[in-house]
């Protein structure tokens, strides 16, 4: 681990109905997700936390659950690969005081393992690489990146590609 990465503290809470299946198929341990987020946050340097301490929730699930979430929160009736729910989009009273004493909670990333596996197969790369790609995409959304138009999408995908190179 390089000195820059060591200064960033990240706690990734990984759970979900697909976690054991993903671990079996890929061998990815929970510590690996934490390492990815730590590397990426060190590179992105969001300067949100005076402690350089962040928390991210990652849920690995199946198409049926993510389809329901996509319908409930985005009014899209189909499953998707990744959903992100940024905690920083809402104002919190006394957040400056709180962030001086504890990690900044960035939000939730939810990934469908079934969709990720299909996309990995279509792109002819590993499921681990696809999961890293989707985690990076979700993290960028948590930090305020969005892609409402083609130019924004290209910029975001380019940044994702750079983040992926840091861990592969």
N, C-alpha and C. Protein backbone atom coordinates (compact mmCIF):
# COMPACT_ATOMS: atom_id res chain seq x y z
N UNK A 1 0.85 -1.17 0.00
CA UNK A 1 0.00 0.00 0.00
C UNK A 1 0.90 1.23 0.00
N UNK A 2 0.60 2.20 -0.85
CA UNK A 2 1.44 3.40 -0.90
C UNK A 2 1.04 4.38 0.20
N UNK A 3 1.90 5.36 0.51
CA UNK A 3 1.62 6.28 1.62
C UNK A 3 0.33 7.08 1.44
N UNK A 4 0.00 7.44 0.20
CA UNK A 4 -1.22 8.20 -0.03
C UNK A 4 -2.43 7.36 0.34
N UNK A 5 -2.43 6.10 -0.09
CA UNK A 5 -3.55 5.22 0.20
C UNK A 5 -3.66 4.96 1.70
N UNK A 6 -2.54 4.89 2.40
CA UNK A 6 -2.57 4.63 3.83
C UNK A 6 -3.27 5.75 4.59
N UNK A 7 -3.20 6.97 4.10
CA UNK A 7 -3.80 8.09 4.84
C UNK A 7 -5.32 8.13 4.72
N UNK A 8 -5.88 7.47 3.73
CA UNK A 8 -7.33 7.42 3.55
C UNK A 8 -7.86 6.19 4.28
N UNK A 9 -8.85 6.40 5.13
CA UNK A 9 -9.48 5.28 5.83
C UNK A 9 -10.84 5.01 5.19
N UNK A 10 -11.08 3.75 4.85
CA UNK A 10 -12.35 3.38 4.24
C UNK A 10 -12.89 2.14 4.94
N UNK A 11 -14.15 2.20 5.27
CA UNK A 11 -14.85 1.03 5.79
C UNK A 11 -15.93 0.70 4.78
N UNK A 12 -15.82 -0.47 4.16
CA UNK A 12 -16.84 -0.90 3.21
C UNK A 12 -17.69 -1.97 3.89
N UNK A 13 -18.97 -1.71 3.97
CA UNK A 13 -19.90 -2.67 4.54
C UNK A 13 -20.48 -3.46 3.38
N UNK A 14 -20.07 -4.71 3.24
CA UNK A 14 -20.48 -5.53 2.10
C UNK A 14 -21.44 -6.60 2.61
N UNK A 15 -22.62 -6.65 1.98
CA UNK A 15 -23.58 -7.68 2.34
C UNK A 15 -24.44 -7.99 1.14
N UNK A 16 -25.47 -8.76 1.36
CA UNK A 16 -26.43 -9.03 0.31
C UNK A 16 -26.60 -10.51 0.06
N UNK A 17 -27.71 -10.82 -0.59
CA UNK A 17 -28.08 -12.20 -0.85
C UNK A 17 -27.11 -12.88 -1.80
N UNK A 18 -26.37 -12.12 -2.58
CA UNK A 18 -25.46 -12.72 -3.57
C UNK A 18 -24.01 -12.77 -3.09
N UNK A 19 -23.74 -12.30 -1.89
CA UNK A 19 -22.36 -12.21 -1.42
C UNK A 19 -21.64 -13.55 -1.42
N UNK A 20 -22.26 -14.59 -0.90
CA UNK A 20 -21.58 -15.89 -0.85
C UNK A 20 -21.36 -16.44 -2.25
N UNK A 21 -22.32 -16.23 -3.15
CA UNK A 21 -22.15 -16.71 -4.53
C UNK A 21 -21.00 -15.98 -5.22
N UNK A 22 -20.90 -14.68 -5.02
CA UNK A 22 -19.82 -13.91 -5.62
C UNK A 22 -18.48 -14.37 -5.06
N UNK A 23 -18.41 -14.57 -3.77
CA UNK A 23 -17.16 -15.02 -3.14
C UNK A 23 -16.73 -16.37 -3.70
N UNK A 24 -17.69 -17.27 -3.89
CA UNK A 24 -17.38 -18.59 -4.45
C UNK A 24 -16.90 -18.50 -5.89
N UNK A 25 -17.57 -17.68 -6.71
CA UNK A 25 -17.25 -17.60 -8.13
C UNK A 25 -15.95 -16.83 -8.40
N UNK A 26 -15.67 -15.84 -7.59
CA UNK A 26 -14.55 -14.95 -7.89
C UNK A 26 -13.40 -15.04 -6.90
N UNK A 27 -13.68 -15.51 -5.71
CA UNK A 27 -12.66 -15.51 -4.67
C UNK A 27 -12.42 -14.13 -4.08
N UNK A 28 -13.28 -13.16 -4.41
CA UNK A 28 -13.12 -11.81 -3.89
C UNK A 28 -13.55 -11.79 -2.42
N UNK A 29 -12.64 -11.38 -1.57
CA UNK A 29 -12.95 -11.23 -0.15
C UNK A 29 -13.46 -9.82 0.09
N UNK A 30 -14.15 -9.63 1.19
CA UNK A 30 -14.67 -8.30 1.53
C UNK A 30 -13.54 -7.29 1.59
N UNK A 31 -12.38 -7.70 2.06
CA UNK A 31 -11.23 -6.79 2.15
C UNK A 31 -10.84 -6.24 0.78
N UNK A 32 -11.09 -7.01 -0.28
CA UNK A 32 -10.75 -6.55 -1.63
C UNK A 32 -11.59 -5.33 -2.02
N UNK A 33 -12.87 -5.37 -1.72
CA UNK A 33 -13.74 -4.23 -2.02
C UNK A 33 -13.26 -2.99 -1.26
N UNK A 34 -12.93 -3.19 0.01
CA UNK A 34 -12.43 -2.08 0.82
C UNK A 34 -11.16 -1.51 0.20
N UNK A 35 -10.28 -2.38 -0.25
CA UNK A 35 -9.03 -1.93 -0.88
C UNK A 35 -9.29 -1.13 -2.14
N UNK A 36 -10.24 -1.59 -2.96
CA UNK A 36 -10.59 -0.83 -4.17
C UNK A 36 -11.06 0.57 -3.81
N UNK A 37 -12.02 0.65 -2.89
CA UNK A 37 -12.56 1.96 -2.52
C UNK A 37 -11.48 2.85 -1.92
N UNK A 38 -10.60 2.27 -1.13
CA UNK A 38 -9.52 3.05 -0.52
C UNK A 38 -8.58 3.60 -1.59
N UNK A 39 -8.21 2.79 -2.55
CA UNK A 39 -7.34 3.23 -3.64
C UNK A 39 -8.01 4.33 -4.45
N UNK A 40 -9.27 4.13 -4.78
CA UNK A 40 -9.98 5.11 -5.61
C UNK A 40 -10.20 6.43 -4.88
N UNK A 41 -10.56 6.36 -3.60
CA UNK A 41 -10.77 7.60 -2.85
C UNK A 41 -9.45 8.35 -2.67
N UNK A 42 -8.35 7.64 -2.51
CA UNK A 42 -7.05 8.31 -2.43
C UNK A 42 -6.76 9.03 -3.74
N UNK A 43 -7.10 8.41 -4.85
CA UNK A 43 -6.87 9.03 -6.16
C UNK A 43 -7.83 10.19 -6.42
N UNK A 44 -9.09 10.00 -6.08
CA UNK A 44 -10.10 11.04 -6.33
C UNK A 44 -9.96 12.22 -5.37
N UNK A 45 -9.44 11.95 -4.18
CA UNK A 45 -9.19 12.98 -3.17
C UNK A 45 -10.38 13.92 -3.00
N UNK A 46 -11.53 13.39 -2.54
CA UNK A 46 -12.74 14.21 -2.49
C UNK A 46 -12.70 15.36 -1.49
N UNK A 47 -11.84 15.33 -0.50
CA UNK A 47 -11.70 16.39 0.50
C UNK A 47 -13.04 16.74 1.16
N UNK A 48 -13.79 15.72 1.48
CA UNK A 48 -15.07 15.90 2.18
C UNK A 48 -14.87 15.71 3.67
N UNK A 49 -14.03 14.75 4.02
CA UNK A 49 -13.81 14.41 5.43
C UNK A 49 -12.52 15.03 5.94
N UNK A 50 -12.59 15.81 7.01
CA UNK A 50 -11.35 16.34 7.59
C UNK A 50 -10.46 15.23 8.15
N UNK A 51 -11.04 14.07 8.40
CA UNK A 51 -10.27 12.92 8.91
C UNK A 51 -9.76 12.03 7.79
N UNK A 52 -10.15 12.32 6.54
CA UNK A 52 -9.89 11.42 5.42
C UNK A 52 -10.40 10.02 5.74
N UNK A 53 -11.60 9.96 6.29
CA UNK A 53 -12.22 8.70 6.67
C UNK A 53 -13.62 8.63 6.05
N UNK A 54 -13.88 7.51 5.37
CA UNK A 54 -15.14 7.37 4.63
C UNK A 54 -15.75 6.00 4.88
N UNK A 55 -17.06 5.93 4.72
CA UNK A 55 -17.79 4.66 4.79
C UNK A 55 -18.64 4.53 3.53
N UNK A 56 -18.69 3.30 3.01
CA UNK A 56 -19.50 2.98 1.83
C UNK A 56 -20.22 1.67 2.13
N UNK A 57 -21.47 1.59 1.74
CA UNK A 57 -22.22 0.35 1.86
C UNK A 57 -22.36 -0.26 0.47
N UNK A 58 -21.98 -1.52 0.34
CA UNK A 58 -22.08 -2.23 -0.93
C UNK A 58 -22.96 -3.45 -0.71
N UNK A 59 -24.02 -3.55 -1.51
CA UNK A 59 -24.93 -4.69 -1.43
C UNK A 59 -24.87 -5.44 -2.76
N UNK A 60 -24.56 -6.72 -2.69
CA UNK A 60 -24.55 -7.58 -3.87
C UNK A 60 -25.83 -8.40 -3.84
N UNK A 61 -26.60 -8.31 -4.93
CA UNK A 61 -27.92 -8.93 -4.92
C UNK A 61 -28.20 -9.57 -6.27
N UNK A 62 -29.44 -9.92 -6.49
CA UNK A 62 -29.87 -10.56 -7.74
C UNK A 62 -30.81 -9.63 -8.50
N UNK A 63 -31.10 -10.00 -9.75
CA UNK A 63 -31.93 -9.16 -10.62
C UNK A 63 -33.29 -8.83 -10.02
N UNK A 64 -33.93 -9.78 -9.35
CA UNK A 64 -35.28 -9.50 -8.84
C UNK A 64 -35.28 -8.37 -7.82
N UNK A 65 -34.30 -8.35 -6.93
CA UNK A 65 -34.25 -7.28 -5.93
C UNK A 65 -33.89 -5.94 -6.56
N UNK A 66 -32.90 -5.93 -7.45
CA UNK A 66 -32.50 -4.65 -8.03
C UNK A 66 -33.58 -4.12 -8.97
N UNK A 67 -34.34 -5.03 -9.60
CA UNK A 67 -35.46 -4.59 -10.44
C UNK A 67 -36.51 -3.88 -9.59
N UNK A 68 -36.80 -4.42 -8.42
CA UNK A 68 -37.78 -3.79 -7.53
C UNK A 68 -37.27 -2.42 -7.07
N UNK A 69 -36.01 -2.34 -6.69
CA UNK A 69 -35.43 -1.05 -6.27
C UNK A 69 -35.43 -0.05 -7.42
N UNK A 70 -35.11 -0.51 -8.62
CA UNK A 70 -35.09 0.36 -9.79
C UNK A 70 -36.49 0.89 -10.08
N UNK A 71 -37.50 0.04 -9.91
CA UNK A 71 -38.89 0.47 -10.11
C UNK A 71 -39.31 1.45 -9.02
N UNK A 72 -38.97 1.15 -7.78
CA UNK A 72 -39.37 2.00 -6.66
C UNK A 72 -38.72 3.38 -6.69
N UNK A 73 -37.43 3.44 -7.00
CA UNK A 73 -36.70 4.69 -6.86
C UNK A 73 -36.41 5.42 -8.16
N UNK A 74 -36.45 4.70 -9.30
CA UNK A 74 -36.15 5.36 -10.57
C UNK A 74 -37.30 5.22 -11.57
N UNK A 75 -38.37 4.56 -11.16
CA UNK A 75 -39.53 4.32 -12.01
C UNK A 75 -39.13 3.61 -13.32
N UNK A 76 -38.13 2.75 -13.22
CA UNK A 76 -37.69 1.93 -14.35
C UNK A 76 -38.05 0.48 -14.02
N UNK A 77 -38.87 -0.17 -14.86
CA UNK A 77 -39.39 -1.49 -14.50
C UNK A 77 -38.43 -2.66 -14.72
N UNK A 78 -37.21 -2.40 -15.15
CA UNK A 78 -36.27 -3.46 -15.49
C UNK A 78 -35.12 -3.54 -14.49
N UNK A 79 -34.46 -4.70 -14.43
CA UNK A 79 -33.25 -4.76 -13.61
C UNK A 79 -32.16 -3.90 -14.24
N UNK A 80 -31.22 -3.48 -13.43
CA UNK A 80 -30.07 -2.71 -13.90
C UNK A 80 -28.82 -3.31 -13.27
N UNK A 81 -27.67 -2.84 -13.69
CA UNK A 81 -26.44 -3.41 -13.14
C UNK A 81 -26.08 -2.82 -11.79
N UNK A 82 -26.21 -1.50 -11.64
CA UNK A 82 -25.80 -0.85 -10.40
C UNK A 82 -26.73 0.32 -10.08
N UNK A 83 -27.05 0.47 -8.82
CA UNK A 83 -27.78 1.63 -8.31
C UNK A 83 -26.93 2.26 -7.21
N UNK A 84 -27.00 3.57 -7.13
CA UNK A 84 -26.27 4.30 -6.09
C UNK A 84 -27.22 5.26 -5.40
N UNK A 85 -27.10 5.32 -4.09
CA UNK A 85 -27.89 6.25 -3.29
C UNK A 85 -26.92 7.06 -2.45
N UNK A 86 -26.67 8.28 -2.89
CA UNK A 86 -25.68 9.13 -2.23
C UNK A 86 -26.23 9.72 -0.94
N UNK A 87 -25.49 9.57 0.13
CA UNK A 87 -25.88 10.14 1.42
C UNK A 87 -25.62 11.64 1.46
N UNK A 88 -24.72 12.12 0.64
CA UNK A 88 -24.34 13.53 0.68
C UNK A 88 -25.29 14.43 -0.10
N UNK A 89 -26.32 13.84 -0.72
CA UNK A 89 -27.28 14.65 -1.47
C UNK A 89 -28.26 15.37 -0.57
N UNK A 90 -28.33 14.97 0.68
CA UNK A 90 -29.25 15.61 1.62
C UNK A 90 -28.46 16.37 2.67
N UNK A 91 -28.98 17.51 3.04
CA UNK A 91 -28.34 18.32 4.08
C UNK A 91 -28.56 17.68 5.44
N UNK A 92 -27.53 17.70 6.24
CA UNK A 92 -27.63 17.15 7.58
C UNK A 92 -27.22 18.23 8.57
N UNK A 93 -28.05 18.51 9.57
CA UNK A 93 -27.68 19.54 10.54
C UNK A 93 -26.38 19.18 11.26
N UNK A 94 -25.54 20.15 11.44
CA UNK A 94 -24.27 20.01 12.16
C UNK A 94 -23.34 18.98 11.53
N UNK A 95 -23.42 18.79 10.22
CA UNK A 95 -22.59 17.77 9.58
C UNK A 95 -21.10 18.08 9.71
N UNK A 96 -20.73 19.37 9.69
CA UNK A 96 -19.31 19.72 9.82
C UNK A 96 -18.76 19.22 11.15
N UNK A 97 -19.55 19.39 12.21
CA UNK A 97 -19.13 18.94 13.54
C UNK A 97 -19.02 17.41 13.58
N UNK A 98 -20.00 16.74 13.02
CA UNK A 98 -20.01 15.28 13.02
C UNK A 98 -18.82 14.74 12.25
N UNK A 99 -18.53 15.31 11.07
CA UNK A 99 -17.46 14.81 10.22
C UNK A 99 -16.07 15.01 10.83
N UNK A 100 -15.95 15.89 11.81
CA UNK A 100 -14.66 16.07 12.50
C UNK A 100 -14.37 14.92 13.46
N UNK A 101 -15.38 14.12 13.76
CA UNK A 101 -15.23 13.08 14.77
C UNK A 101 -15.47 11.67 14.26
N UNK A 102 -16.04 11.54 13.08
CA UNK A 102 -16.31 10.20 12.56
C UNK A 102 -16.26 10.20 11.03
N UNK A 103 -16.17 9.02 10.44
CA UNK A 103 -16.09 8.94 8.98
C UNK A 103 -17.32 9.53 8.29
N UNK A 104 -17.12 10.01 7.10
CA UNK A 104 -18.22 10.51 6.27
C UNK A 104 -18.85 9.31 5.56
N UNK A 105 -20.16 9.14 5.78
CA UNK A 105 -20.89 8.07 5.10
C UNK A 105 -21.26 8.57 3.71
N UNK A 106 -20.69 7.94 2.67
CA UNK A 106 -20.92 8.39 1.30
C UNK A 106 -22.24 7.88 0.73
N UNK A 107 -22.67 6.68 1.13
CA UNK A 107 -23.94 6.17 0.63
C UNK A 107 -23.90 4.69 0.31
N UNK A 108 -24.90 4.26 -0.46
CA UNK A 108 -25.10 2.85 -0.77
C UNK A 108 -24.89 2.57 -2.25
N UNK A 109 -24.22 1.48 -2.54
CA UNK A 109 -24.07 0.98 -3.91
C UNK A 109 -24.69 -0.42 -3.91
N UNK A 110 -25.56 -0.66 -4.87
CA UNK A 110 -26.23 -1.96 -4.99
C UNK A 110 -25.93 -2.50 -6.38
N UNK A 111 -25.43 -3.73 -6.44
CA UNK A 111 -25.03 -4.34 -7.71
C UNK A 111 -25.76 -5.67 -7.87
N UNK A 112 -26.32 -5.88 -9.07
CA UNK A 112 -26.91 -7.17 -9.40
C UNK A 112 -25.81 -8.08 -9.93
N UNK A 113 -25.58 -9.18 -9.23
CA UNK A 113 -24.56 -10.14 -9.64
C UNK A 113 -24.94 -10.82 -10.95
N UNK A 114 -26.25 -11.03 -11.17
CA UNK A 114 -26.69 -11.68 -12.42
C UNK A 114 -26.41 -10.78 -13.62
N UNK A 115 -26.75 -9.51 -13.51
CA UNK A 115 -26.48 -8.58 -14.61
C UNK A 115 -24.98 -8.40 -14.78
N UNK A 116 -24.25 -8.30 -13.69
CA UNK A 116 -22.79 -8.16 -13.77
C UNK A 116 -22.17 -9.36 -14.49
N UNK A 117 -22.64 -10.56 -14.18
CA UNK A 117 -22.11 -11.77 -14.82
C UNK A 117 -22.41 -11.77 -16.32
N UNK A 118 -23.61 -11.35 -16.71
CA UNK A 118 -23.95 -11.27 -18.14
C UNK A 118 -23.05 -10.27 -18.85
N UNK A 119 -22.88 -9.11 -18.24
CA UNK A 119 -22.05 -8.06 -18.85
C UNK A 119 -20.59 -8.50 -18.93
N UNK A 120 -20.10 -9.20 -17.93
CA UNK A 120 -18.72 -9.70 -17.97
C UNK A 120 -18.55 -10.68 -19.12
N UNK A 121 -19.53 -11.56 -19.28
CA UNK A 121 -19.48 -12.54 -20.37
C UNK A 121 -19.53 -11.85 -21.73
N UNK A 122 -20.43 -10.88 -21.88
CA UNK A 122 -20.55 -10.14 -23.14
C UNK A 122 -19.27 -9.36 -23.46
N UNK A 123 -18.63 -8.83 -22.44
CA UNK A 123 -17.41 -8.04 -22.63
C UNK A 123 -16.15 -8.90 -22.63
N UNK A 124 -16.33 -10.17 -22.39
CA UNK A 124 -15.23 -11.15 -22.36
C UNK A 124 -14.14 -10.78 -21.36
N UNK A 125 -14.57 -10.40 -20.18
CA UNK A 125 -13.61 -10.23 -19.08
C UNK A 125 -14.19 -10.89 -17.82
N UNK A 126 -13.41 -10.89 -16.78
CA UNK A 126 -13.80 -11.61 -15.56
C UNK A 126 -14.93 -10.91 -14.82
N UNK A 127 -15.62 -11.70 -14.02
CA UNK A 127 -16.66 -11.14 -13.15
C UNK A 127 -16.03 -10.18 -12.15
N UNK A 128 -14.83 -10.49 -11.66
CA UNK A 128 -14.15 -9.59 -10.73
C UNK A 128 -13.93 -8.22 -11.36
N UNK A 129 -13.49 -8.20 -12.61
CA UNK A 129 -13.26 -6.92 -13.29
C UNK A 129 -14.58 -6.15 -13.47
N UNK A 130 -15.64 -6.85 -13.81
CA UNK A 130 -16.95 -6.21 -13.98
C UNK A 130 -17.44 -5.63 -12.66
N UNK A 131 -17.27 -6.39 -11.59
CA UNK A 131 -17.68 -5.89 -10.27
C UNK A 131 -16.88 -4.65 -9.88
N UNK A 132 -15.59 -4.65 -10.17
CA UNK A 132 -14.77 -3.46 -9.88
C UNK A 132 -15.26 -2.28 -10.71
N UNK A 133 -15.58 -2.52 -11.98
CA UNK A 133 -16.09 -1.46 -12.86
C UNK A 133 -17.37 -0.86 -12.29
N UNK A 134 -18.28 -1.73 -11.85
CA UNK A 134 -19.55 -1.26 -11.30
C UNK A 134 -19.37 -0.58 -9.95
N UNK A 135 -18.45 -1.07 -9.13
CA UNK A 135 -18.15 -0.40 -7.86
C UNK A 135 -17.60 1.00 -8.12
N UNK A 136 -16.71 1.13 -9.09
CA UNK A 136 -16.15 2.44 -9.43
C UNK A 136 -17.24 3.37 -9.93
N UNK A 137 -18.13 2.86 -10.76
CA UNK A 137 -19.24 3.67 -11.28
C UNK A 137 -20.12 4.15 -10.13
N UNK A 138 -20.45 3.23 -9.24
CA UNK A 138 -21.27 3.59 -8.09
C UNK A 138 -20.60 4.61 -7.20
N UNK A 139 -19.30 4.45 -6.96
CA UNK A 139 -18.57 5.41 -6.13
C UNK A 139 -18.58 6.80 -6.74
N UNK A 140 -18.37 6.88 -8.04
CA UNK A 140 -18.41 8.19 -8.70
C UNK A 140 -19.77 8.85 -8.50
N UNK A 141 -20.84 8.08 -8.62
CA UNK A 141 -22.17 8.63 -8.36
C UNK A 141 -22.29 9.14 -6.92
N UNK A 142 -21.76 8.38 -5.96
CA UNK A 142 -21.83 8.81 -4.57
C UNK A 142 -21.10 10.13 -4.35
N UNK A 143 -20.09 10.39 -5.18
CA UNK A 143 -19.30 11.62 -5.06
C UNK A 143 -19.84 12.75 -5.92
N UNK A 144 -21.01 12.53 -6.54
CA UNK A 144 -21.67 13.61 -7.27
C UNK A 144 -21.55 13.56 -8.78
N UNK A 145 -20.83 12.60 -9.32
CA UNK A 145 -20.75 12.47 -10.77
C UNK A 145 -22.10 11.99 -11.30
N UNK A 146 -22.45 12.43 -12.49
CA UNK A 146 -23.69 11.98 -13.11
C UNK A 146 -23.49 11.99 -14.62
N UNK A 147 -24.40 11.39 -15.34
CA UNK A 147 -24.30 11.33 -16.80
C UNK A 147 -25.66 11.57 -17.46
N UNK A 148 -26.17 12.81 -17.32
CA UNK A 148 -27.46 13.13 -17.93
C UNK A 148 -27.39 13.28 -19.45
N UNK A 149 -26.18 13.42 -19.98
CA UNK A 149 -26.02 13.57 -21.43
C UNK A 149 -24.78 12.79 -21.88
N UNK A 150 -24.60 12.71 -23.18
CA UNK A 150 -23.51 11.92 -23.76
C UNK A 150 -22.13 12.40 -23.33
N UNK A 151 -21.91 13.71 -23.30
CA UNK A 151 -20.60 14.25 -22.88
C UNK A 151 -20.28 13.87 -21.44
N UNK A 152 -21.26 14.00 -20.55
CA UNK A 152 -21.06 13.63 -19.15
C UNK A 152 -20.78 12.14 -19.00
N UNK A 153 -21.49 11.33 -19.78
CA UNK A 153 -21.28 9.89 -19.73
C UNK A 153 -19.86 9.54 -20.17
N UNK A 154 -19.39 10.15 -21.24
CA UNK A 154 -18.03 9.88 -21.73
C UNK A 154 -17.00 10.26 -20.67
N UNK A 155 -17.16 11.42 -20.05
CA UNK A 155 -16.22 11.85 -19.00
C UNK A 155 -16.23 10.88 -17.82
N UNK A 156 -17.43 10.44 -17.44
CA UNK A 156 -17.53 9.53 -16.31
C UNK A 156 -16.92 8.17 -16.64
N UNK A 157 -17.20 7.65 -17.83
CA UNK A 157 -16.63 6.36 -18.22
C UNK A 157 -15.12 6.43 -18.35
N UNK A 158 -14.60 7.55 -18.84
CA UNK A 158 -13.15 7.74 -18.91
C UNK A 158 -12.54 7.72 -17.51
N UNK A 159 -13.19 8.38 -16.57
CA UNK A 159 -12.68 8.42 -15.19
C UNK A 159 -12.75 7.03 -14.57
N UNK A 160 -13.83 6.30 -14.86
CA UNK A 160 -13.96 4.93 -14.39
C UNK A 160 -12.82 4.06 -14.90
N UNK A 161 -12.50 4.22 -16.17
CA UNK A 161 -11.42 3.43 -16.77
C UNK A 161 -10.09 3.71 -16.07
N UNK A 162 -9.85 4.98 -15.74
CA UNK A 162 -8.62 5.33 -15.01
C UNK A 162 -8.61 4.70 -13.62
N UNK A 163 -9.75 4.71 -12.96
CA UNK A 163 -9.84 4.10 -11.63
C UNK A 163 -9.58 2.59 -11.71
N UNK A 164 -10.14 1.96 -12.74
CA UNK A 164 -9.95 0.52 -12.88
C UNK A 164 -8.48 0.17 -13.08
N UNK A 165 -7.76 1.01 -13.82
CA UNK A 165 -6.33 0.76 -14.04
C UNK A 165 -5.53 0.79 -12.74
N UNK A 166 -6.04 1.48 -11.74
CA UNK A 166 -5.34 1.54 -10.46
C UNK A 166 -5.41 0.22 -9.68
N UNK A 167 -6.38 -0.61 -10.00
CA UNK A 167 -6.55 -1.85 -9.24
C UNK A 167 -6.38 -3.11 -10.10
N UNK A 168 -6.22 -2.97 -11.40
CA UNK A 168 -6.00 -4.12 -12.29
C UNK A 168 -4.76 -3.90 -13.13
